[in-house]
PDB file of all heavy atoms in Angstrom:
ATOM      1  N   GLN A   1       0.817  -1.204   0.000  1.00  0.00           N
ATOM      2  CA  GLN A   1       0.000   0.000   0.000  1.00  0.00           C
ATOM      3  C   GLN A   1       0.858   1.264   0.000  1.00  0.00           C
ATOM      4  O   GLN A   1       0.473   2.284  -0.587  1.00  0.00           O
ATOM      5  CB  GLN A   1      -0.946  -0.015   1.199  1.00  0.00           C
ATOM      6  CG  GLN A   1      -2.031  -1.077   1.085  1.00  0.00           C
ATOM      7  CD  GLN A   1      -3.005  -1.043   2.241  1.00  0.00           C
ATOM      8  OE1 GLN A   1      -3.273   0.017   2.795  1.00  0.00           O
ATOM      9  NE2 GLN A   1      -3.535  -2.191   2.620  1.00  0.00           N
ATOM     10  N   GLN A   2       2.006   1.204   0.639  1.00  0.00           N
ATOM     11  CA  GLN A   2       2.918   2.348   0.592  1.00  0.00           C
ATOM     12  C   GLN A   2       3.427   2.574  -0.832  1.00  0.00           C
ATOM     13  O   GLN A   2       3.560   3.718  -1.285  1.00  0.00           O
ATOM     14  CB  GLN A   2       4.085   2.111   1.550  1.00  0.00           C
ATOM     15  CG  GLN A   2       3.692   2.148   3.019  1.00  0.00           C
ATOM     16  CD  GLN A   2       4.811   1.667   3.930  1.00  0.00           C
ATOM     17  OE1 GLN A   2       5.935   1.439   3.472  1.00  0.00           O
ATOM     18  NE2 GLN A   2       4.499   1.502   5.206  1.00  0.00           N
ATOM     19  N   ALA A   3       3.709   1.468  -1.536  1.00  0.00           N
ATOM     20  CA  ALA A   3       4.135   1.592  -2.931  1.00  0.00           C
ATOM     21  C   ALA A   3       3.022   2.196  -3.781  1.00  0.00           C
ATOM     22  O   ALA A   3       3.267   3.052  -4.646  1.00  0.00           O
ATOM     23  CB  ALA A   3       4.540   0.218  -3.472  1.00  0.00           C
ATOM     24  N   ARG A   4       1.784   1.770  -3.543  1.00  0.00           N
ATOM     25  CA  ARG A   4       0.655   2.336  -4.303  1.00  0.00           C
ATOM     26  C   ARG A   4       0.470   3.823  -3.999  1.00  0.00           C
ATOM     27  O   ARG A   4       0.101   4.607  -4.877  1.00  0.00           O
ATOM     28  CB  ARG A   4      -0.622   1.566  -3.977  1.00  0.00           C
ATOM     29  CG  ARG A   4      -0.703   0.215  -4.645  1.00  0.00           C
ATOM     30  CD  ARG A   4      -2.084  -0.017  -5.202  1.00  0.00           C
ATOM     31  NE  ARG A   4      -2.167  -1.240  -5.975  1.00  0.00           N
ATOM     32  CZ  ARG A   4      -3.241  -1.620  -6.635  1.00  0.00           C
ATOM     33  NH1 ARG A   4      -4.322  -0.860  -6.621  1.00  0.00           N
ATOM     34  NH2 ARG A   4      -3.258  -2.745  -7.330  1.00  0.00           N
ATOM     35  N   ALA A   5       0.716   4.206  -2.755  1.00  0.00           N
ATOM     36  CA  ALA A   5       0.599   5.621  -2.393  1.00  0.00           C
ATOM     37  C   ALA A   5       1.626   6.450  -3.165  1.00  0.00           C
ATOM     38  O   ALA A   5       1.326   7.566  -3.615  1.00  0.00           O
ATOM     39  CB  ALA A   5       0.779   5.794  -0.891  1.00  0.00           C
ATOM     40  N   ARG A   6       2.821   5.918  -3.335  1.00  0.00           N
ATOM     41  CA  ARG A   6       3.833   6.629  -4.117  1.00  0.00           C
ATOM     42  C   ARG A   6       3.409   6.759  -5.583  1.00  0.00           C
ATOM     43  O   ARG A   6       3.671   7.777  -6.230  1.00  0.00           O
ATOM     44  CB  ARG A   6       5.173   5.905  -4.003  1.00  0.00           C
ATOM     45  CG  ARG A   6       5.904   6.174  -2.698  1.00  0.00           C
ATOM     46  CD  ARG A   6       7.291   5.543  -2.701  1.00  0.00           C
ATOM     47  NE  ARG A   6       7.243   4.127  -2.440  1.00  0.00           N
ATOM     48  CZ  ARG A   6       7.231   3.582  -1.226  1.00  0.00           C
ATOM     49  NH1 ARG A   6       7.276   4.362  -0.151  1.00  0.00           N
ATOM     50  NH2 ARG A   6       7.192   2.280  -1.056  1.00  0.00           N
ATOM     51  N   MET A   7       2.757   5.714  -6.106  1.00  0.00           N
ATOM     52  CA  MET A   7       2.263   5.776  -7.487  1.00  0.00           C
ATOM     53  C   MET A   7       1.220   6.878  -7.640  1.00  0.00           C
ATOM     54  O   MET A   7       1.228   7.645  -8.616  1.00  0.00           O
ATOM     55  CB  MET A   7       1.661   4.430  -7.893  1.00  0.00           C
ATOM     56  CG  MET A   7       2.637   3.271  -7.909  1.00  0.00           C
ATOM     57  SD  MET A   7       1.801   1.695  -8.275  1.00  0.00           S
ATOM     58  CE  MET A   7       3.049   0.517  -7.736  1.00  0.00           C
ATOM     59  N   ARG A   8       0.299   6.971  -6.679  1.00  0.00           N
ATOM     60  CA  ARG A   8      -0.757   7.996  -6.759  1.00  0.00           C
ATOM     61  C   ARG A   8      -0.171   9.398  -6.620  1.00  0.00           C
ATOM     62  O   ARG A   8      -0.623  10.333  -7.280  1.00  0.00           O
ATOM     63  CB  ARG A   8      -1.808   7.751  -5.682  1.00  0.00           C
ATOM     64  CG  ARG A   8      -2.683   6.541  -5.937  1.00  0.00           C
ATOM     65  CD  ARG A   8      -3.887   6.559  -5.009  1.00  0.00           C
ATOM     66  NE  ARG A   8      -3.468   6.504  -3.609  1.00  0.00           N
ATOM     67  CZ  ARG A   8      -3.300   5.387  -2.924  1.00  0.00           C
ATOM     68  NH1 ARG A   8      -3.491   4.214  -3.513  1.00  0.00           N
ATOM     69  NH2 ARG A   8      -2.928   5.421  -1.658  1.00  0.00           N
ATOM     70  N   ASP A   9       0.822   9.559  -5.742  1.00  0.00           N
ATOM     71  CA  ASP A   9       1.422  10.879  -5.557  1.00  0.00           C
ATOM     72  C   ASP A   9       2.147  11.326  -6.829  1.00  0.00           C
ATOM     73  O   ASP A   9       2.128  12.512  -7.165  1.00  0.00           O
ATOM     74  CB  ASP A   9       2.402  10.840  -4.387  1.00  0.00           C
ATOM     75  CG  ASP A   9       1.701  10.632  -3.056  1.00  0.00           C
ATOM     76  OD1 ASP A   9       0.475  10.869  -2.993  1.00  0.00           O
ATOM     77  OD2 ASP A   9       2.367  10.208  -2.092  1.00  0.00           O
ATOM     78  N   ARG A  10       2.756  10.370  -7.518  1.00  0.00           N
ATOM     79  CA  ARG A  10       3.526  10.706  -8.705  1.00  0.00           C
ATOM     80  C   ARG A  10       2.618  10.979  -9.907  1.00  0.00           C
ATOM     81  O   ARG A  10       2.887  11.853 -10.725  1.00  0.00           O
ATOM     82  CB  ARG A  10       4.485   9.557  -9.019  1.00  0.00           C
ATOM     83  CG  ARG A  10       5.456   9.848 -10.162  1.00  0.00           C
ATOM     84  CD  ARG A  10       6.519   8.765 -10.282  1.00  0.00           C
ATOM     85  NE  ARG A  10       5.942   7.440 -10.394  1.00  0.00           N
ATOM     86  CZ  ARG A  10       5.999   6.511  -9.443  1.00  0.00           C
ATOM     87  NH1 ARG A  10       6.620   6.755  -8.293  1.00  0.00           N
ATOM     88  NH2 ARG A  10       5.442   5.321  -9.608  1.00  0.00           N
ATOM     89  N   ASN A  11       1.528  10.224 -10.003  1.00  0.00           N
ATOM     90  CA  ASN A  11       0.619  10.385 -11.146  1.00  0.00           C
ATOM     91  C   ASN A  11      -0.812  10.147 -10.671  1.00  0.00           C
ATOM     92  O   ASN A  11      -1.315   9.023 -10.716  1.00  0.00           O
ATOM     93  CB  ASN A  11       0.984   9.390 -12.250  1.00  0.00           C
ATOM     94  CG  ASN A  11       0.292   9.721 -13.562  1.00  0.00           C
ATOM     95  OD1 ASN A  11      -0.660  10.486 -13.595  1.00  0.00           O
ATOM     96  ND2 ASN A  11       0.756   9.145 -14.645  1.00  0.00           N
ATOM     97  N   PRO A  12      -1.500  11.192 -10.182  1.00  0.00           N
ATOM     98  CA  PRO A  12      -2.851  11.014  -9.617  1.00  0.00           C
ATOM     99  C   PRO A  12      -3.868  10.490 -10.623  1.00  0.00           C
ATOM    100  O   PRO A  12      -4.888   9.921 -10.221  1.00  0.00           O
ATOM    101  CB  PRO A  12      -3.221  12.429  -9.149  1.00  0.00           C
ATOM    102  CG  PRO A  12      -1.921  13.163  -9.034  1.00  0.00           C
ATOM    103  CD  PRO A  12      -1.029  12.583 -10.093  1.00  0.00           C
ATOM    104  N   ASP A  13      -3.635  10.681 -11.912  1.00  0.00           N
ATOM    105  CA  ASP A  13      -4.615  10.266 -12.907  1.00  0.00           C
ATOM    106  C   ASP A  13      -4.627   8.755 -13.130  1.00  0.00           C
ATOM    107  O   ASP A  13      -5.596   8.219 -13.678  1.00  0.00           O
ATOM    108  CB  ASP A  13      -4.328  10.955 -14.249  1.00  0.00           C
ATOM    109  CG  ASP A  13      -4.505  12.457 -14.160  1.00  0.00           C
ATOM    110  OD1 ASP A  13      -5.286  12.895 -13.292  1.00  0.00           O
ATOM    111  OD2 ASP A  13      -3.864  13.177 -14.945  1.00  0.00           O
ATOM    112  N   GLN A  14      -3.568   8.060 -12.730  1.00  0.00           N
ATOM    113  CA  GLN A  14      -3.466   6.625 -12.951  1.00  0.00           C
ATOM    114  C   GLN A  14      -3.332   5.928 -11.605  1.00  0.00           C
ATOM    115  O   GLN A  14      -2.480   6.289 -10.792  1.00  0.00           O
ATOM    116  CB  GLN A  14      -2.263   6.276 -13.839  1.00  0.00           C
ATOM    117  CG  GLN A  14      -2.242   7.000 -15.180  1.00  0.00           C
ATOM    118  CD  GLN A  14      -3.368   6.556 -16.086  1.00  0.00           C
ATOM    119  OE1 GLN A  14      -3.956   5.502 -15.886  1.00  0.00           O
ATOM    120  NE2 GLN A  14      -3.679   7.355 -17.091  1.00  0.00           N
ATOM    121  N   ALA A  15      -4.162   4.903 -11.389  1.00  0.00           N
ATOM    122  CA  ALA A  15      -4.172   4.230 -10.087  1.00  0.00           C
ATOM    123  C   ALA A  15      -2.931   3.378  -9.870  1.00  0.00           C
ATOM    124  O   ALA A  15      -2.404   3.287  -8.760  1.00  0.00           O
ATOM    125  CB  ALA A  15      -5.432   3.372  -9.950  1.00  0.00           C
ATOM    126  N   THR A  16      -2.454   2.707 -10.922  1.00  0.00           N
ATOM    127  CA  THR A  16      -1.322   1.802 -10.795  1.00  0.00           C
ATOM    128  C   THR A  16      -0.345   2.027 -11.944  1.00  0.00           C
ATOM    129  O   THR A  16      -0.683   2.649 -12.956  1.00  0.00           O
ATOM    130  CB  THR A  16      -1.780   0.332 -10.809  1.00  0.00           C
ATOM    131  OG1 THR A  16      -2.426   0.058 -12.063  1.00  0.00           O
ATOM    132  CG2 THR A  16      -2.740   0.036  -9.670  1.00  0.00           C
ATOM    133  N   ASN A  17       0.838   1.474 -11.793  1.00  0.00           N
ATOM    134  CA  ASN A  17       1.844   1.588 -12.856  1.00  0.00           C
ATOM    135  C   ASN A  17       1.413   0.847 -14.122  1.00  0.00           C
ATOM    136  O   ASN A  17       1.886   1.171 -15.218  1.00  0.00           O
ATOM    137  CB  ASN A  17       3.186   1.043 -12.369  1.00  0.00           C
ATOM    138  CG  ASN A  17       3.855   1.982 -11.378  1.00  0.00           C
ATOM    139  OD1 ASN A  17       3.575   3.179 -11.358  1.00  0.00           O
ATOM    140  ND2 ASN A  17       4.721   1.444 -10.541  1.00  0.00           N
ATOM    141  N   ARG A  18       0.564  -0.148 -13.981  1.00  0.00           N
ATOM    142  CA  ARG A  18       0.093  -0.881 -15.153  1.00  0.00           C
ATOM    143  C   ARG A  18      -0.622   0.029 -16.146  1.00  0.00           C
ATOM    144  O   ARG A  18      -0.634  -0.223 -17.355  1.00  0.00           O
ATOM    145  CB  ARG A  18      -0.854  -2.001 -14.704  1.00  0.00           C
ATOM    146  CG  ARG A  18      -1.382  -2.872 -15.831  1.00  0.00           C
ATOM    147  CD  ARG A  18      -2.413  -3.863 -15.305  1.00  0.00           C
ATOM    148  NE  ARG A  18      -3.656  -3.224 -14.927  1.00  0.00           N
ATOM    149  CZ  ARG A  18      -4.666  -3.841 -14.338  1.00  0.00           C
ATOM    150  NH1 ARG A  18      -4.558  -5.123 -14.047  1.00  0.00           N
ATOM    151  NH2 ARG A  18      -5.773  -3.196 -14.023  1.00  0.00           N
ATOM    152  N   ASP A  19      -1.202   1.123 -15.667  1.00  0.00           N
ATOM    153  CA  ASP A  19      -1.994   2.012 -16.508  1.00  0.00           C
ATOM    154  C   ASP A  19      -1.169   3.095 -17.192  1.00  0.00           C
ATOM    155  O   ASP A  19      -1.706   3.851 -18.003  1.00  0.00           O
ATOM    156  CB  ASP A  19      -3.087   2.684 -15.674  1.00  0.00           C
ATOM    157  CG  ASP A  19      -3.956   1.670 -14.965  1.00  0.00           C
ATOM    158  OD1 ASP A  19      -4.364   0.699 -15.625  1.00  0.00           O
ATOM    159  OD2 ASP A  19      -4.218   1.846 -13.762  1.00  0.00           O
ATOM    160  N   LEU A  20       0.115   3.195 -16.875  1.00  0.00           N
ATOM    161  CA  LEU A  20       0.930   4.276 -17.436  1.00  0.00           C
ATOM    162  C   LEU A  20       1.170   4.050 -18.929  1.00  0.00           C
ATOM    163  O   LEU A  20       1.642   2.985 -19.334  1.00  0.00           O
ATOM    164  CB  LEU A  20       2.269   4.354 -16.700  1.00  0.00           C
ATOM    165  CG  LEU A  20       2.214   4.683 -15.205  1.00  0.00           C
ATOM    166  CD1 LEU A  20       3.609   4.645 -14.613  1.00  0.00           C
ATOM    167  CD2 LEU A  20       1.564   6.039 -14.968  1.00  0.00           C
ATOM    168  N   ASP A  21       0.858   5.057 -19.736  1.00  0.00           N
ATOM    169  CA  ASP A  21       1.178   4.963 -21.155  1.00  0.00           C
ATOM    170  C   ASP A  21       2.592   5.492 -21.397  1.00  0.00           C
ATOM    171  O   ASP A  21       3.308   5.876 -20.459  1.00  0.00           O
ATOM    172  CB  ASP A  21       0.153   5.726 -21.993  1.00  0.00           C
ATOM    173  CG  ASP A  21       0.019   7.181 -21.562  1.00  0.00           C
ATOM    174  OD1 ASP A  21       0.920   7.689 -20.864  1.00  0.00           O
ATOM    175  OD2 ASP A  21      -0.994   7.810 -21.935  1.00  0.00           O
ATOM    176  N   ALA A  22       3.014   5.505 -22.657  1.00  0.00           N
ATOM    177  CA  ALA A  22       4.380   5.906 -22.967  1.00  0.00           C
ATOM    178  C   ALA A  22       4.657   7.338 -22.533  1.00  0.00           C
ATOM    179  O   ALA A  22       5.739   7.643 -22.006  1.00  0.00           O
ATOM    180  CB  ALA A  22       4.635   5.739 -24.468  1.00  0.00           C
ATOM    181  N   LYS A  23       3.689   8.228 -22.729  1.00  0.00           N
ATOM    182  CA  LYS A  23       3.885   9.624 -22.344  1.00  0.00           C
ATOM    183  C   LYS A  23       4.047   9.762 -20.844  1.00  0.00           C
ATOM    184  O   LYS A  23       4.935  10.489 -20.359  1.00  0.00           O
ATOM    185  CB  LYS A  23       2.699  10.461 -22.839  1.00  0.00           C
ATOM    186  CG  LYS A  23       2.821  11.935 -22.508  1.00  0.00           C
ATOM    187  CD  LYS A  23       1.612  12.715 -23.023  1.00  0.00           C
ATOM    188  CE  LYS A  23       1.733  14.193 -22.658  1.00  0.00           C
ATOM    189  NZ  LYS A  23       0.553  14.970 -23.128  1.00  0.00           N
ATOM    190  N   ALA A  24       3.197   9.057 -20.072  1.00  0.00           N
ATOM    191  CA  ALA A  24       3.283   9.129 -18.616  1.00  0.00           C
ATOM    192  C   ALA A  24       4.588   8.523 -18.101  1.00  0.00           C
ATOM    193  O   ALA A  24       5.186   9.028 -17.144  1.00  0.00           O
ATOM    194  CB  ALA A  24       2.091   8.416 -17.988  1.00  0.00           C
ATOM    195  N   LEU A  25       5.035   7.435 -18.750  1.00  0.00           N
ATOM    196  CA  LEU A  25       6.315   6.845 -18.358  1.00  0.00           C
ATOM    197  C   LEU A  25       7.459   7.834 -18.583  1.00  0.00           C
ATOM    198  O   LEU A  25       8.379   7.943 -17.759  1.00  0.00           O
ATOM    199  CB  LEU A  25       6.564   5.562 -19.149  1.00  0.00           C
ATOM    200  CG  LEU A  25       5.840   4.300 -18.694  1.00  0.00           C
ATOM    201  CD1 LEU A  25       6.028   3.181 -19.697  1.00  0.00           C
ATOM    202  CD2 LEU A  25       6.333   3.861 -17.322  1.00  0.00           C
ATOM    203  N   TYR A  26       7.401   8.558 -19.689  1.00  0.00           N
ATOM    204  CA  TYR A  26       8.460   9.521 -20.009  1.00  0.00           C
ATOM    205  C   TYR A  26       8.446  10.704 -19.030  1.00  0.00           C
ATOM    206  O   TYR A  26       9.496  11.155 -18.570  1.00  0.00           O
ATOM    207  CB  TYR A  26       8.284  10.021 -21.441  1.00  0.00           C
ATOM    208  CG  TYR A  26       9.261  11.102 -21.836  1.00  0.00           C
ATOM    209  CD1 TYR A  26      10.587  10.791 -22.142  1.00  0.00           C
ATOM    210  CD2 TYR A  26       8.855  12.434 -21.902  1.00  0.00           C
ATOM    211  CE1 TYR A  26      11.489  11.790 -22.501  1.00  0.00           C
ATOM    212  CE2 TYR A  26       9.747  13.441 -22.261  1.00  0.00           C
ATOM    213  CZ  TYR A  26      11.063  13.109 -22.555  1.00  0.00           C
ATOM    214  OH  TYR A  26      11.948  14.099 -22.904  1.00  0.00           O
ATOM    215  N   GLU A  27       7.232  11.177 -18.689  1.00  0.00           N
ATOM    216  CA  GLU A  27       7.132  12.369 -17.857  1.00  0.00           C
ATOM    217  C   GLU A  27       7.288  12.084 -16.371  1.00  0.00           C
ATOM    218  O   GLU A  27       7.837  12.902 -15.633  1.00  0.00           O
ATOM    219  CB  GLU A  27       5.798  13.066 -18.109  1.00  0.00           C
ATOM    220  CG  GLU A  27       5.644  13.620 -19.527  1.00  0.00           C
ATOM    221  CD  GLU A  27       4.281  14.217 -19.757  1.00  0.00           C
ATOM    222  OE1 GLU A  27       3.379  14.008 -18.903  1.00  0.00           O
ATOM    223  OE2 GLU A  27       4.085  14.887 -20.799  1.00  0.00           O
ATOM    224  N   CYS A  28       6.783  10.929 -15.926  1.00  0.00           N
ATOM    225  CA  CYS A  28       6.737  10.652 -14.487  1.00  0.00           C
ATOM    226  C   CYS A  28       7.550   9.429 -14.068  1.00  0.00           C
ATOM    227  O   CYS A  28       7.655   9.148 -12.873  1.00  0.00           O
ATOM    228  CB  CYS A  28       5.283  10.453 -14.035  1.00  0.00           C
ATOM    229  SG  CYS A  28       4.156  11.767 -14.518  1.00  0.00           S
ATOM    230  N   GLY A  29       8.090   8.683 -15.044  1.00  0.00           N
ATOM    231  CA  GLY A  29       8.759   7.430 -14.706  1.00  0.00           C
ATOM    232  C   GLY A  29      10.041   7.608 -13.931  1.00  0.00           C
ATOM    233  O   GLY A  29      10.406   6.762 -13.115  1.00  0.00           O
ATOM    234  N   GLN A  30      10.779   8.711 -14.171  1.00  0.00           N
ATOM    235  CA  GLN A  30      12.035   8.998 -13.479  1.00  0.00           C
ATOM    236  C   GLN A  30      13.048   7.865 -13.678  1.00  0.00           C
ATOM    237  O   GLN A  30      13.552   7.269 -12.723  1.00  0.00           O
ATOM    238  CB  GLN A  30      11.783   9.252 -11.987  1.00  0.00           C
ATOM    239  CG  GLN A  30      10.929  10.487 -11.725  1.00  0.00           C
ATOM    240  CD  GLN A  30      10.674  10.720 -10.250  1.00  0.00           C
ATOM    241  OE1 GLN A  30      10.194   9.830  -9.557  1.00  0.00           O
ATOM    242  NE2 GLN A  30      10.981  11.918  -9.783  1.00  0.00           N
ATOM    243  N   PHE A  31      13.351   7.579 -14.941  1.00  0.00           N
ATOM    244  CA  PHE A  31      14.351   6.571 -15.279  1.00  0.00           C
ATOM    245  C   PHE A  31      15.708   7.252 -15.457  1.00  0.00           C
ATOM    246  O   PHE A  31      15.812   8.307 -16.096  1.00  0.00           O
ATOM    247  CB  PHE A  31      13.967   5.846 -16.578  1.00  0.00           C
ATOM    248  CG  PHE A  31      12.686   5.086 -16.483  1.00  0.00           C
ATOM    249  CD1 PHE A  31      11.475   5.667 -16.859  1.00  0.00           C
ATOM    250  CD2 PHE A  31      12.668   3.784 -16.009  1.00  0.00           C
ATOM    251  CE1 PHE A  31      10.293   4.976 -16.768  1.00  0.00           C
ATOM    252  CE2 PHE A  31      11.477   3.080 -15.915  1.00  0.00           C
ATOM    253  CZ  PHE A  31      10.295   3.672 -16.297  1.00  0.00           C
ATOM    254  N   SER A  32      16.737   6.619 -14.935  1.00  0.00           N
ATOM    255  CA  SER A  32      18.081   7.158 -15.126  1.00  0.00           C
ATOM    256  C   SER A  32      18.520   6.939 -16.580  1.00  0.00           C
ATOM    257  O   SER A  32      17.977   6.075 -17.292  1.00  0.00           O
ATOM    258  CB  SER A  32      19.057   6.479 -14.169  1.00  0.00           C
ATOM    259  OG  SER A  32      19.208   5.119 -14.501  1.00  0.00           O
ATOM    260  N   CYS A  33      19.505   7.718 -17.011  1.00  0.00           N
ATOM    261  CA  CYS A  33      19.991   7.599 -18.397  1.00  0.00           C
ATOM    262  C   CYS A  33      20.576   6.216 -18.654  1.00  0.00           C
ATOM    263  O   CYS A  33      20.365   5.626 -19.724  1.00  0.00           O
ATOM    264  CB  CYS A  33      21.038   8.678 -18.677  1.00  0.00           C
ATOM    265  SG  CYS A  33      20.387  10.361 -18.616  1.00  0.00           S
TER     266      CYS A  33
END
Protein backbone atom coordinates (compact mmCIF):
# COMPACT_ATOMS: atom_id res chain seq x y z
CA GLN A 1 0.00 0.00 0.00
CA GLN A 2 2.92 2.35 0.59
CA ALA A 3 4.13 1.59 -2.93
CA ARG A 4 0.65 2.34 -4.30
CA ALA A 5 0.60 5.62 -2.39
CA ARG A 6 3.83 6.63 -4.12
CA MET A 7 2.26 5.78 -7.49
CA ARG A 8 -0.76 8.00 -6.76
CA ASP A 9 1.42 10.88 -5.56
CA ARG A 10 3.53 10.71 -8.70
CA ASN A 11 0.62 10.39 -11.15
CA PRO A 12 -2.85 11.01 -9.62
CA ASP A 13 -4.62 10.27 -12.91
CA GLN A 14 -3.47 6.62 -12.95
CA ALA A 15 -4.17 4.23 -10.09
CA THR A 16 -1.32 1.80 -10.79
CA ASN A 17 1.84 1.59 -12.86
CA ARG A 18 0.09 -0.88 -15.15
CA ASP A 19 -1.99 2.01 -16.51
CA LEU A 20 0.93 4.28 -17.44
CA ASP A 21 1.18 4.96 -21.16
CA ALA A 22 4.38 5.91 -22.97
CA LYS A 23 3.89 9.62 -22.34
CA ALA A 24 3.28 9.13 -18.62
CA LEU A 25 6.32 6.84 -18.36
CA TYR A 26 8.46 9.52 -20.01
CA GLU A 27 7.13 12.37 -17.86
CA CYS A 28 6.74 10.65 -14.49
CA GLY A 29 8.76 7.43 -14.71
CA GLN A 30 12.04 9.00 -13.48
CA PHE A 31 14.35 6.57 -15.28
CA SER A 32 18.08 7.16 -15.13
CA CYS A 33 19.99 7.60 -18.40
